[in-house]
PDB file of N, CA and C in Angstrom:
ATOM      1  N   MET A   1     109.220  95.922 104.878  1.00  0.00           N
ATOM      2  CA  MET A   1     108.259  94.895 104.521  1.00  0.00           C
ATOM      3  C   MET A   1     107.753  95.127 103.107  1.00  0.00           C
ATOM      4  N   PHE A   2     107.625  94.061 102.342  1.00  0.00           N
ATOM      5  CA  PHE A   2     107.170  94.153 100.954  1.00  0.00           C
ATOM      6  C   PHE A   2     105.729  94.636 100.901  1.00  0.00           C
ATOM      7  N   GLN A   3     105.473  95.655 100.105  1.00  0.00           N
ATOM      8  CA  GLN A   3     104.119  96.154  99.889  1.00  0.00           C
ATOM      9  C   GLN A   3     103.736  95.868  98.443  1.00  0.00           C
ATOM     10  N   PRO A   4     102.807  94.937  98.203  1.00  0.00           N
ATOM     11  CA  PRO A   4     102.416  94.646  96.835  1.00  0.00           C
ATOM     12  C   PRO A   4     101.786  95.860  96.173  1.00  0.00           C
ATOM     13  N   PRO A   5     102.093  96.079  94.913  1.00  0.00           N
ATOM     14  CA  PRO A   5     101.498  97.215  94.216  1.00  0.00           C
ATOM     15  C   PRO A   5     100.020  96.988  93.945  1.00  0.00           C
ATOM     16  N   ARG A   6      99.283  98.064  93.808  1.00  0.00           N
ATOM     17  CA  ARG A   6      97.881  97.949  93.403  1.00  0.00           C
ATOM     18  C   ARG A   6      97.877  97.786  91.893  1.00  0.00           C
ATOM     19  N   LEU A   7      97.110  96.836  91.427  1.00  0.00           N
ATOM     20  CA  LEU A   7      97.071  96.547  90.001  1.00  0.00           C
ATOM     21  C   LEU A   7      95.921  97.236  89.296  1.00  0.00           C
ATOM     22  N   GLY A   8      95.012  97.832  90.041  1.00  0.00           N
ATOM     23  CA  GLY A   8      93.903  98.545  89.440  1.00  0.00           C
ATOM     24  C   GLY A   8      92.878  97.656  88.785  1.00  0.00           C
ATOM     25  N   LEU A   9      92.788  96.389  89.193  1.00  0.00           N
ATOM     26  CA  LEU A   9      91.855  95.456  88.570  1.00  0.00           C
ATOM     27  C   LEU A   9      90.560  95.322  89.348  1.00  0.00           C
ATOM     28  N   ALA A  10      90.570  95.669  90.614  1.00  0.00           N
ATOM     29  CA  ALA A  10      89.374  95.511  91.444  1.00  0.00           C
ATOM     30  C   ALA A  10      89.480  96.450  92.625  1.00  0.00           C
ATOM     31  N   ASP A  11      88.402  96.553  93.376  1.00  0.00           N
ATOM     32  CA  ASP A  11      88.409  97.409  94.548  1.00  0.00           C
ATOM     33  C   ASP A  11      89.237  96.814  95.682  1.00  0.00           C
ATOM     34  N   GLU A  12      89.343  95.482  95.731  1.00  0.00           N
ATOM     35  CA  GLU A  12      90.087  94.831  96.795  1.00  0.00           C
ATOM     36  C   GLU A  12      91.550  94.676  96.387  1.00  0.00           C
ATOM     37  N   PRO A  13      92.475  94.713  97.366  1.00  0.00           N
ATOM     38  CA  PRO A  13      93.881  94.484  97.031  1.00  0.00           C
ATOM     39  C   PRO A  13      94.082  93.071  96.490  1.00  0.00           C
ATOM     40  N   THR A  14      94.999  92.946  95.569  1.00  0.00           N
ATOM     41  CA  THR A  14      95.324  91.648  95.002  1.00  0.00           C
ATOM     42  C   THR A  14      96.234  90.894  95.958  1.00  0.00           C
ATOM     43  N   ALA A  15      95.965  89.604  96.158  1.00  0.00           N
ATOM     44  CA  ALA A  15      96.828  88.761  96.977  1.00  0.00           C
ATOM     45  C   ALA A  15      98.031  88.318  96.147  1.00  0.00           C
ATOM     46  N   PHE A  16      99.127  88.079  96.822  1.00  0.00           N
ATOM     47  CA  PHE A  16     100.330  87.591  96.165  1.00  0.00           C
ATOM     48  C   PHE A  16     100.700  86.247  96.771  1.00  0.00           C
ATOM     49  N   LEU A  17     101.404  85.420  96.000  1.00  0.00           N
ATOM     50  CA  LEU A  17     101.839  84.116  96.483  1.00  0.00           C
ATOM     51  C   LEU A  17     102.823  84.287  97.639  1.00  0.00           C
ATOM     52  N   SER A  18     102.756  83.414  98.606  1.00  0.00           N
ATOM     53  CA  SER A  18     103.645  83.527  99.765  1.00  0.00           C
ATOM     54  C   SER A  18     105.099  83.210  99.397  1.00  0.00           C
ATOM     55  N   THR A  19     105.322  82.313  98.457  1.00  0.00           N
ATOM     56  CA  THR A  19     106.685  81.942  98.071  1.00  0.00           C
ATOM     57  C   THR A  19     107.203  82.768  96.900  1.00  0.00           C
ATOM     58  N   LEU A  20     106.306  83.439  96.201  1.00  0.00           N
ATOM     59  CA  LEU A  20     106.665  84.345  95.111  1.00  0.00           C
ATOM     60  C   LEU A  20     105.954  85.663  95.385  1.00  0.00           C
ATOM     61  N   GLU A  21     106.491  86.417  96.324  1.00  0.00           N
ATOM     62  CA  GLU A  21     105.806  87.609  96.805  1.00  0.00           C
ATOM     63  C   GLU A  21     105.603  88.689  95.747  1.00  0.00           C
ATOM     64  N   ASP A  22     106.201  88.521  94.577  1.00  0.00           N
ATOM     65  CA  ASP A  22     106.018  89.482  93.493  1.00  0.00           C
ATOM     66  C   ASP A  22     105.153  88.921  92.357  1.00  0.00           C
ATOM     67  N   VAL A  23     104.471  87.802  92.606  1.00  0.00           N
ATOM     68  CA  VAL A  23     103.565  87.196  91.613  1.00  0.00           C
ATOM     69  C   VAL A  23     102.165  87.143  92.226  1.00  0.00           C
ATOM     70  N   PRO A  24     101.179  87.765  91.556  1.00  0.00           N
ATOM     71  CA  PRO A  24      99.825  87.795  92.120  1.00  0.00           C
ATOM     72  C   PRO A  24      99.133  86.439  92.057  1.00  0.00           C
ATOM     73  N   LEU A  25      98.243  86.231  92.997  1.00  0.00           N
ATOM     74  CA  LEU A  25      97.390  85.045  93.031  1.00  0.00           C
ATOM     75  C   LEU A  25      96.055  85.447  92.423  1.00  0.00           C
ATOM     76  N   MET A  26      95.667  84.795  91.346  1.00  0.00           N
ATOM     77  CA  MET A  26      94.420  85.129  90.668  1.00  0.00           C
ATOM     78  C   MET A  26      93.236  84.946  91.614  1.00  0.00           C
ATOM     79  N   PRO A  27      92.299  85.902  91.634  1.00  0.00           N
ATOM     80  CA  PRO A  27      91.079  85.704  92.422  1.00  0.00           C
ATOM     81  C   PRO A  27      90.389  84.405  92.003  1.00  0.00           C
ATOM     82  N   GLY A  28      89.918  83.648  92.978  1.00  0.00           N
ATOM     83  CA  GLY A  28      89.292  82.361  92.707  1.00  0.00           C
ATOM     84  C   GLY A  28      90.229  81.194  92.924  1.00  0.00           C
ATOM     85  N   LEU A  29      91.533  81.473  93.015  1.00  0.00           N
ATOM     86  CA  LEU A  29      92.518  80.428  93.283  1.00  0.00           C
ATOM     87  C   LEU A  29      92.928  80.464  94.749  1.00  0.00           C
ATOM     88  N   THR A  30      93.283  79.307  95.271  1.00  0.00           N
ATOM     89  CA  THR A  30      93.793  79.178  96.636  1.00  0.00           C
ATOM     90  C   THR A  30      95.192  78.593  96.556  1.00  0.00           C
ATOM     91  N   GLU A  31      96.150  79.283  97.145  1.00  0.00           N
ATOM     92  CA  GLU A  31      97.525  78.806  97.140  1.00  0.00           C
ATOM     93  C   GLU A  31      97.643  77.541  97.987  1.00  0.00           C
ATOM     94  N   GLN A  32      98.384  76.575  97.484  1.00  0.00           N
ATOM     95  CA  GLN A  32      98.664  75.328  98.201  1.00  0.00           C
ATOM     96  C   GLN A  32     100.050  75.471  98.826  1.00  0.00           C
ATOM     97  N   ARG A  33     100.118  76.169  99.934  1.00  0.00           N
ATOM     98  CA  ARG A  33     101.397  76.527 100.561  1.00  0.00           C
ATOM     99  C   ARG A  33     102.245  75.329 100.946  1.00  0.00           C
ATOM    100  N   ASP A  34     101.619  74.238 101.367  1.00  0.00           N
ATOM    101  CA  ASP A  34     102.383  73.062 101.798  1.00  0.00           C
ATOM    102  C   ASP A  34     103.044  72.329 100.638  1.00  0.00           C
ATOM    103  N   ALA A  35     102.676  72.645  99.407  1.00  0.00           N
ATOM    104  CA  ALA A  35     103.250  71.973  98.240  1.00  0.00           C
ATOM    105  C   ALA A  35     104.389  72.776  97.608  1.00  0.00           C
ATOM    106  N   ALA A  36     104.631  73.977  98.067  1.00  0.00           N
ATOM    107  CA  ALA A  36     105.633  74.849  97.457  1.00  0.00           C
ATOM    108  C   ALA A  36     107.051  74.397  97.765  1.00  0.00           C
ATOM    109  N   VAL A  37     107.942  74.687  96.825  1.00  0.00           N
ATOM    110  CA  VAL A  37     109.369  74.392  96.979  1.00  0.00           C
ATOM    111  C   VAL A  37     110.135  75.653  96.601  1.00  0.00           C
ATOM    112  N   ARG A  38     111.110  76.025  97.425  1.00  0.00           N
ATOM    113  CA  ARG A  38     111.939  77.194  97.128  1.00  0.00           C
ATOM    114  C   ARG A  38     113.392  76.843  97.392  1.00  0.00           C
ATOM    115  N   LEU A  39     114.222  77.099  96.389  1.00  0.00           N
ATOM    116  CA  LEU A  39     115.664  76.880  96.510  1.00  0.00           C
ATOM    117  C   LEU A  39     116.382  78.151  96.082  1.00  0.00           C
ATOM    118  N   ASP A  40     117.370  78.548  96.852  1.00  0.00           N
ATOM    119  CA  ASP A  40     118.215  79.667  96.467  1.00  0.00           C
ATOM    120  C   ASP A  40     119.554  79.084  96.044  1.00  0.00           C
ATOM    121  N   THR A  41     119.912  79.312  94.785  1.00  0.00           N
ATOM    122  CA  THR A  41     121.151  78.768  94.237  1.00  0.00           C
ATOM    123  C   THR A  41     122.092  79.908  93.873  1.00  0.00           C
ATOM    124  N   THR A  42     123.304  79.572  93.510  1.00  0.00           N
ATOM    125  CA  THR A  42     124.251  80.600  93.085  1.00  0.00           C
ATOM    126  C   THR A  42     123.816  81.260  91.778  1.00  0.00           C
ATOM    127  N   ASP A  43     123.010  80.571  90.985  1.00  0.00           N
ATOM    128  CA  ASP A  43     122.503  81.132  89.732  1.00  0.00           C
ATOM    129  C   ASP A  43     121.217  81.932  89.913  1.00  0.00           C
ATOM    130  N   GLY A  44     120.570  81.802  91.063  1.00  0.00           N
ATOM    131  CA  GLY A  44     119.325  82.510  91.317  1.00  0.00           C
ATOM    132  C   GLY A  44     118.327  81.618  92.031  1.00  0.00           C
ATOM    133  N   ARG A  45     117.138  82.128  92.223  1.00  0.00           N
ATOM    134  CA  ARG A  45     116.125  81.356  92.952  1.00  0.00           C
ATOM    135  C   ARG A  45     115.360  80.420  92.026  1.00  0.00           C
ATOM    136  N   ILE A  46     114.971  79.304  92.579  1.00  0.00           N
ATOM    137  CA  ILE A  46     114.118  78.333  91.900  1.00  0.00           C
ATOM    138  C   ILE A  46     112.922  78.112  92.816  1.00  0.00           C
ATOM    139  N   VAL A  47     111.725  78.365  92.287  1.00  0.00           N
ATOM    140  CA  VAL A  47     110.515  78.244  93.087  1.00  0.00           C
ATOM    141  C   VAL A  47     109.461  77.500  92.280  1.00  0.00           C
ATOM    142  N   VAL A  48     108.793  76.559  92.933  1.00  0.00           N
ATOM    143  CA  VAL A  48     107.627  75.904  92.350  1.00  0.00           C
ATOM    144  C   VAL A  48     106.501  76.098  93.350  1.00  0.00           C
ATOM    145  N   ALA A  49     105.439  76.761  92.894  1.00  0.00           N
ATOM    146  CA  ALA A  49     104.281  77.025  93.745  1.00  0.00           C
ATOM    147  C   ALA A  49     103.037  76.499  93.034  1.00  0.00           C
ATOM    148  N   TRP A  50     102.008  76.208  93.826  1.00  0.00           N
ATOM    149  CA  TRP A  50     100.770  75.625  93.295  1.00  0.00           C
ATOM    150  C   TRP A  50      99.564  76.379  93.832  1.00  0.00           C
ATOM    151  N   ALA A  51      98.516  76.458  92.992  1.00  0.00           N
ATOM    152  CA  ALA A  51      97.241  77.024  93.424  1.00  0.00           C
ATOM    153  C   ALA A  51      96.136  76.249  92.723  1.00  0.00           C
ATOM    154  N   THR A  52      94.984  76.163  93.375  1.00  0.00           N
ATOM    155  CA  THR A  52      93.839  75.461  92.792  1.00  0.00           C
ATOM    156  C   THR A  52      92.589  76.319  92.950  1.00  0.00           C
ATOM    157  N   GLY A  53      91.614  76.052  92.079  1.00  0.00           N
ATOM    158  CA  GLY A  53      90.355  76.763  92.206  1.00  0.00           C
ATOM    159  C   GLY A  53      89.431  76.507  91.041  1.00  0.00           C
ATOM    160  N   PRO A  54      88.164  76.887  91.206  1.00  0.00           N
ATOM    161  CA  PRO A  54      87.155  76.686  90.167  1.00  0.00           C
ATOM    162  C   PRO A  54      87.177  77.815  89.137  1.00  0.00           C
ATOM    163  N   VAL A  55      88.275  77.933  88.421  1.00  0.00           N
ATOM    164  CA  VAL A  55      88.437  78.946  87.383  1.00  0.00           C
ATOM    165  C   VAL A  55      88.698  78.232  86.059  1.00  0.00           C
ATOM    166  N   ASP A  56      88.588  78.962  84.955  1.00  0.00           N
ATOM    167  CA  ASP A  56      88.861  78.316  83.667  1.00  0.00           C
ATOM    168  C   ASP A  56      90.216  78.755  83.118  1.00  0.00           C
ATOM    169  N   GLU A  57      90.728  77.949  82.222  1.00  0.00           N
ATOM    170  CA  GLU A  57      92.072  78.184  81.683  1.00  0.00           C
ATOM    171  C   GLU A  57      92.173  79.525  80.968  1.00  0.00           C
ATOM    172  N   ALA A  58      91.138  79.898  80.219  1.00  0.00           N
ATOM    173  CA  ALA A  58      91.151  81.184  79.515  1.00  0.00           C
ATOM    174  C   ALA A  58      91.215  82.342  80.513  1.00  0.00           C
ATOM    175  N   GLY A  59      90.514  82.207  81.630  1.00  0.00           N
ATOM    176  CA  GLY A  59      90.558  83.237  82.660  1.00  0.00           C
ATOM    177  C   GLY A  59      91.935  83.374  83.278  1.00  0.00           C
ATOM    178  N   VAL A  60      92.591  82.247  83.512  1.00  0.00           N
ATOM    179  CA  VAL A  60      93.951  82.246  84.056  1.00  0.00           C
ATOM    180  C   VAL A  60      94.887  82.955  83.079  1.00  0.00           C
ATOM    181  N   SER A  61      94.817  82.571  81.813  1.00  0.00           N
ATOM    182  CA  SER A  61      95.682  83.193  80.796  1.00  0.00           C
ATOM    183  C   SER A  61      95.452  84.688  80.714  1.00  0.00           C
ATOM    184  N   GLY A  62      94.187  85.088  80.704  1.00  0.00           N
ATOM    185  CA  GLY A  62      93.859  86.508  80.603  1.00  0.00           C
ATOM    186  C   GLY A  62      94.323  87.305  81.813  1.00  0.00           C
ATOM    187  N   PHE A  63      94.102  86.752  82.996  1.00  0.00           N
ATOM    188  CA  PHE A  63      94.506  87.447  84.218  1.00  0.00           C
ATOM    189  C   PHE A  63      96.007  87.695  84.232  1.00  0.00           C
ATOM    190  N   TYR A  64      96.797  86.651  83.961  1.00  0.00           N
ATOM    191  CA  TYR A  64      98.248  86.818  84.026  1.00  0.00           C
ATOM    192  C   TYR A  64      98.800  87.618  82.849  1.00  0.00           C
ATOM    193  N   ALA A  65      98.178  87.532  81.681  1.00  0.00           N
ATOM    194  CA  ALA A  65      98.605  88.345  80.538  1.00  0.00           C
ATOM    195  C   ALA A  65      98.384  89.828  80.819  1.00  0.00           C
ATOM    196  N   GLU A  66      97.379  90.137  81.627  1.00  0.00           N
ATOM    197  CA  GLU A  66      97.096  91.530  81.972  1.00  0.00           C
ATOM    198  C   GLU A  66      97.920  92.016  83.163  1.00  0.00           C
ATOM    199  N   THR A  67      98.069  91.196  84.191  1.00  0.00           N
ATOM    200  CA  THR A  67      98.705  91.672  85.423  1.00  0.00           C
ATOM    201  C   THR A  67     100.229  91.576  85.433  1.00  0.00           C
ATOM    202  N   LEU A  68     100.787  90.508  84.876  1.00  0.00           N
ATOM    203  CA  LEU A  68     102.245  90.346  84.972  1.00  0.00           C
ATOM    204  C   LEU A  68     103.027  91.463  84.277  1.00  0.00           C
ATOM    205  N   PRO A  69     102.630  91.926  83.082  1.00  0.00           N
ATOM    206  CA  PRO A  69     103.363  93.046  82.484  1.00  0.00           C
ATOM    207  C   PRO A  69     103.350  94.312  83.349  1.00  0.00           C
ATOM    208  N   ARG A  70     102.304  94.513  84.128  1.00  0.00           N
ATOM    209  CA  ARG A  70     102.239  95.672  85.033  1.00  0.00           C
ATOM    210  C   ARG A  70     103.273  95.559  86.150  1.00  0.00           C
ATOM    211  N   LEU A  71     103.751  94.351  86.371  1.00  0.00           N
ATOM    212  CA  LEU A  71     104.757  94.105  87.405  1.00  0.00           C
ATOM    213  C   LEU A  71     106.148  93.906  86.812  1.00  0.00           C
ATOM    214  N   GLY A  72     106.301  94.250  85.548  1.00  0.00           N
ATOM    215  CA  GLY A  72     107.612  94.191  84.912  1.00  0.00           C
ATOM    216  C   GLY A  72     107.935  92.910  84.173  1.00  0.00           C
ATOM    217  N   TRP A  73     107.006  91.961  84.139  1.00  0.00           N
ATOM    218  CA  TRP A  73     107.226  90.704  83.421  1.00  0.00           C
ATOM    219  C   TRP A  73     106.891  90.904  81.941  1.00  0.00           C
ATOM    220  N   ALA A  74     107.758  90.423  81.060  1.00  0.00           N
ATOM    221  CA  ALA A  74     107.527  90.503  79.619  1.00  0.00           C
ATOM    222  C   ALA A  74     107.108  89.130  79.102  1.00  0.00           C
ATOM    223  N   ALA A  75     106.047  89.105  78.307  1.00  0.00           N
ATOM    224  CA  ALA A  75     105.590  87.843  77.721  1.00  0.00           C
ATOM    225  C   ALA A  75     106.678  87.297  76.804  1.00  0.00           C
ATOM    226  N   ALA A  76     106.915  85.980  76.905  1.00  0.00           N
ATOM    227  CA  ALA A  76     107.967  85.327  76.112  1.00  0.00           C
ATOM    228  C   ALA A  76     107.471  83.972  75.626  1.00  0.00           C
ATOM    229  N   GLY A  77     106.263  83.944  75.089  1.00  0.00           N
ATOM    230  CA  GLY A  77     105.680  82.686  74.629  1.00  0.00           C
ATOM    231  C   GLY A  77     104.434  82.362  75.422  1.00  0.00           C
ATOM    232  N   ARG A  78     103.891  81.197  75.133  1.00  0.00           N
ATOM    233  CA  ARG A  78     102.653  80.775  75.779  1.00  0.00           C
ATOM    234  C   ARG A  78     102.882  80.524  77.274  1.00  0.00           C
ATOM    235  N   GLU A  79     102.235  81.340  78.109  1.00  0.00           N
ATOM    236  CA  GLU A  79     102.303  81.205  79.572  1.00  0.00           C
ATOM    237  C   GLU A  79     103.742  81.220  80.089  1.00  0.00           C
ATOM    238  N   ARG A  80     104.572  82.037  79.453  1.00  0.00           N
ATOM    239  CA  ARG A  80     105.982  82.160  79.842  1.00  0.00           C
ATOM    240  C   ARG A  80     106.329  83.645  79.890  1.00  0.00           C
ATOM    241  N   TYR A  81     106.983  84.078  80.979  1.00  0.00           N
ATOM    242  CA  TYR A  81     107.291  85.485  81.190  1.00  0.00           C
ATOM    243  C   TYR A  81     108.732  85.644  81.660  1.00  0.00           C
ATOM    244  N   LEU A  82     109.360  86.750  81.269  1.00  0.00           N
ATOM    245  CA  LEU A  82     110.747  87.042  81.644  1.00  0.00           C
ATOM    246  C   LEU A  82     110.815  88.359  82.407  1.00  0.00           C
ATOM    247  N   ARG A  83     111.723  88.387  83.394  1.00  0.00           N
ATOM    248  CA  ARG A  83     111.991  89.634  84.114  1.00  0.00           C
ATOM    249  C   ARG A  83     113.309  89.509  84.847  1.00  0.00           C
ATOM    250  N   GLU A  84     114.184  90.458  84.642  1.00  0.00           N
ATOM    251  CA  GLU A  84     115.443  90.566  85.392  1.00  0.00           C
ATOM    252  C   GLU A  84     116.182  89.245  85.550  1.00  0.00           C
ATOM    253  N   GLY A  85     116.351  88.516  84.444  1.00  0.00           N
ATOM    254  CA  GLY A  85     117.121  87.278  84.468  1.00  0.00           C
ATOM    255  C   GLY A  85     116.377  86.067  84.994  1.00  0.00           C
ATOM    256  N   GLU A  86     115.065  86.193  85.181  1.00  0.00           N
ATOM    257  CA  GLU A  86     114.261  85.065  85.657  1.00  0.00           C
ATOM    258  C   GLU A  86     113.165  84.726  84.651  1.00  0.00           C
ATOM    259  N   VAL A  87     112.781  83.461  84.656  1.00  0.00           N
ATOM    260  CA  VAL A  87     111.704  82.959  83.809  1.00  0.00           C
ATOM    261  C   VAL A  87     110.589  82.456  84.711  1.00  0.00           C
ATOM    262  N   LEU A  88     109.366  82.888  84.422  1.00  0.00           N
ATOM    263  CA  LEU A  88     108.192  82.406  85.132  1.00  0.00           C
ATOM    264  C   LEU A  88     107.331  81.655  84.131  1.00  0.00           C
ATOM    265  N   LYS A  89     107.062  80.386  84.423  1.00  0.00           N
ATOM    266  CA  LYS A  89     106.239  79.555  83.555  1.00  0.00           C
ATOM    267  C   LYS A  89     104.996  79.155  84.327  1.00  0.00           C
ATOM    268  N   LEU A  90     103.844  79.229  83.647  1.00  0.00           N
ATOM    269  CA  LEU A  90     102.567  78.850  84.235  1.00  0.00           C
ATOM    270  C   LEU A  90     102.045  77.622  83.510  1.00  0.00           C
ATOM    271  N   ASP A  91     101.698  76.594  84.254  1.00  0.00           N
ATOM    272  CA  ASP A  91     101.140  75.362  83.684  1.00  0.00           C
ATOM    273  C   ASP A  91      99.796  75.098  84.347  1.00  0.00           C
ATOM    274  N   VAL A  92      98.775  74.838  83.518  1.00  0.00           N
ATOM    275  CA  VAL A  92      97.421  74.605  84.016  1.00  0.00           C
ATOM    276  C   VAL A  92      97.056  73.139  83.811  1.00  0.00           C
ATOM    277  N   PHE A  93      96.477  72.534  84.865  1.00  0.00           N
ATOM    278  CA  PHE A  93      96.050  71.137  84.824  1.00  0.00           C
ATOM    279  C   PHE A  93      94.621  71.038  85.344  1.00  0.00           C
ATOM    280  N   GLY A  94      93.874  70.049  84.868  1.00  0.00           N
ATOM    281  CA  GLY A  94      92.582  69.741  85.470  1.00  0.00           C
ATOM    282  C   GLY A  94      91.383  70.116  84.628  1.00  0.00           C
ATOM    283  N   GLY A  95      90.229  70.007  85.276  1.00  0.00           N
ATOM    284  CA  GLY A  95      88.962  70.250  84.615  1.00  0.00           C
ATOM    285  C   GLY A  95      88.145  71.284  85.350  1.00  0.00           C
ATOM    286  N   ASP A  96      87.135  70.846  86.125  1.00  0.00           N
ATOM    287  CA  ASP A  96      86.262  71.776  86.841  1.00  0.00           C
ATOM    288  C   ASP A  96      87.015  72.593  87.882  1.00  0.00           C
ATOM    289  N   VAL A  97      87.930  71.948  88.577  1.00  0.00           N
ATOM    290  CA  VAL A  97      88.808  72.652  89.520  1.00  0.00           C
ATOM    291  C   VAL A  97      90.211  72.570  88.943  1.00  0.00           C
ATOM    292  N   LEU A  98      90.729  73.720  88.527  1.00  0.00           N
ATOM    293  CA  LEU A  98      92.043  73.742  87.899  1.00  0.00           C
ATOM    294  C   LEU A  98      93.156  73.804  88.932  1.00  0.00           C
ATOM    295  N   THR A  99      94.295  73.263  88.556  1.00  0.00           N
ATOM    296  CA  THR A  99      95.522  73.399  89.324  1.00  0.00           C
ATOM    297  C   THR A  99      96.488  74.205  88.474  1.00  0.00           C
ATOM    298  N   LEU A 100      97.065  75.215  89.059  1.00  0.00           N
ATOM    299  CA  LEU A 100      98.037  76.056  88.377  1.00  0.00           C
ATOM    300  C   LEU A 100      99.383  75.873  89.048  1.00  0.00           C
ATOM    301  N   ARG A 101     100.385  75.539  88.235  1.00  0.00           N
ATOM    302  CA  ARG A 101     101.758  75.418  88.742  1.00  0.00           C
ATOM    303  C   ARG A 101     102.542  76.630  88.250  1.00  0.00           C
ATOM    304  N   TYR A 102     103.175  77.327  89.174  1.00  0.00           N
ATOM    305  CA  TYR A 102     104.054  78.448  88.859  1.00  0.00           C
ATOM    306  C   TYR A 102     105.482  77.931  89.021  1.00  0.00           C
ATOM    307  N   THR A 103     106.304  78.074  87.995  1.00  0.00           N
ATOM    308  CA  THR A 103     107.693  77.641  88.083  1.00  0.00           C
ATOM    309  C   THR A 103     108.581  78.843  87.754  1.00  0.00           C
ATOM    310  N   LEU A 104     109.393  79.232  88.709  1.00  0.00           N
ATOM    311  CA  LEU A 104     110.326  80.337  88.518  1.00  0.00           C
ATOM    312  C   LEU A 104     111.736  79.784  88.536  1.00  0.00           C
ATOM    313  N   SER A 105     112.556  80.206  87.580  1.00  0.00           N
ATOM    314  CA  SER A 105     113.937  79.742  87.536  1.00  0.00           C
ATOM    315  C   SER A 105     114.798  80.818  86.883  1.00  0.00           C
ATOM    316  N   PRO A 106     116.117  80.710  87.055  1.00  0.00           N
ATOM    317  CA  PRO A 106     116.994  81.643  86.368  1.00  0.00           C
ATOM    318  C   PRO A 106     116.864  81.469  84.856  1.00  0.00           C
ATOM    319  N   GLU A 107     117.047  82.553  84.131  1.00  0.00           N
ATOM    320  CA  GLU A 107     116.924  82.512  82.667  1.00  0.00           C
ATOM    321  C   GLU A 107     118.071  81.753  82.044  1.00  0.00           C
TER     322      GLU A 107
END
């Protein structure tokens, strides 16, 4: 069974997305599990996951800029990360309650 690593950011364990078990869910966000899409292709996995919550865009950027490199993701532009032949892109939408779209695809 997958055991998420401790990121050392808080006393409580960090939650991970159900469809991207190696991508953390920022505190304050709630995963929208019914909206997720996962495809396994010959080129690799394609996943689109969504989360919403009363957080700000700067907080989202800061959280993922700090946590993803600890999990082996290398920053590759604005809200874009690379790891082992995969690209993870984060897109933020909304105002008071933000929606975050995580898109994972082969590089």
